[in-house]
Amino acid sequence: MKVLVYSAKDFEIPYLEEANKKKHKLDYIKDALSSNTAMKAVGYDAISMFSADEADFITIEKLKDFGVKYITLRSVGHDNVNLRSASRLNIRVANVPAYSPHAIAEHAVALLLAVNRKLIESNFRVSHYNFNLDNLVGFDLNKKTVGIIGTGKIGSVMSKIMNGFGCKLLGYDIEENSDLVDTYDMKYTTLVDLCNKADIISLHVPLNTETYQLINEDLIYEMKDDVILINTARGSVINTEDVIKGLKKGKIGALGIDVYENEKGVFFKDHSQHLIDDDLLLKLNAMPNVLITGHQAFLTEEALSNIAETTIYNLDCWDLKKETENELTEIN
């Protein structure tokens, strides 16, 4: 099968090559998939797209016209693909449903520890030989209440880790995870009650109509003062303007994010030689109690290997005229 890999990153190509073992002809381009770059897929049976790519209605229509039959995502999230259009046009789409929940959850913990213990500020001071400890006070995680919003694969790992720190766990999800209740004494509750009681809130939900800007002014009002908010899910799960207001008022004590509401066109690129034209990002980046990483939570050897292997597996299935269990489209 001839495959065009959009948004190919240097760090992932060796993993894709290893998983492929020369079965499919993979061509790599750094361009992101969009309606403007869809024409590059002319002559290809399939494409592979990244989480920052866009396969909207127009792009899907163009891919169909260019002969593309398959789209394999190198991500879990698929809110950037118009699945209805793909199904209607008989383009099969599959994702990587679980590449490494440990990678994401562990990164969330890293963000939490860094903002709580003020490691970035501490490191900055020490690099300038300033060993003053003023304003570096954090708190013990032991016996603190952690609210986990979204208790699927990643949220479950996060819960297990927080339990290891001796934290009390509150959960919110459309379905309760009985294993978390039985093993880690998680208490499921309402979203408002979770916000009322949690010292730390960590987000692990997919982006959909129900979770879009879930964390907004109304919910922030319900949170405890000085709450730490962690987001490794999707940027648009939080309303950035409302969160900035919460940070300024001291309602939110610290924020750790690996995703950003307006990250498209910004993340995964080097903008160090010019000023970013994004007031919200500039405000966040200027705050001493905010830590931003550039959508790198997935960036572990294990996760990259799993992503590559599942991506190639999806292609293998389609090449053999079989349906992969990772398929997102409904095609008869």
Foldseek 3Di string as FASTA:
>chain_A
DEEEEELDDPVLVVLLCVLQVPVYHYDYDNHAQDLVCLLVCQPGQEYEHEPLHAADLNSLVSNLVSNHQEYEYLAQADPRHPQVNNQVSNRWYFYLNPLDLPLQLVVLVVLVVCLQQVVVVCVVCVVVPHNDCPPRHGDQLAAAEEEEEDCPPNVVNNLVVSLVSNYAYEYEDPDDDVCCCVPRVYHYDDLLVSQQRHLEYEYADEDDPVQFQCAALVSLVSHAFQREYEYLHEARSHDLVRVLVCCVVRSHNAYEYAYHPPCNVPAPDDPPVDDDPDVSVVSQVPDSRYHYHRSCSQPDPSSSNSSSNVSSVCVVQVVVVHHDPRIDHDYD
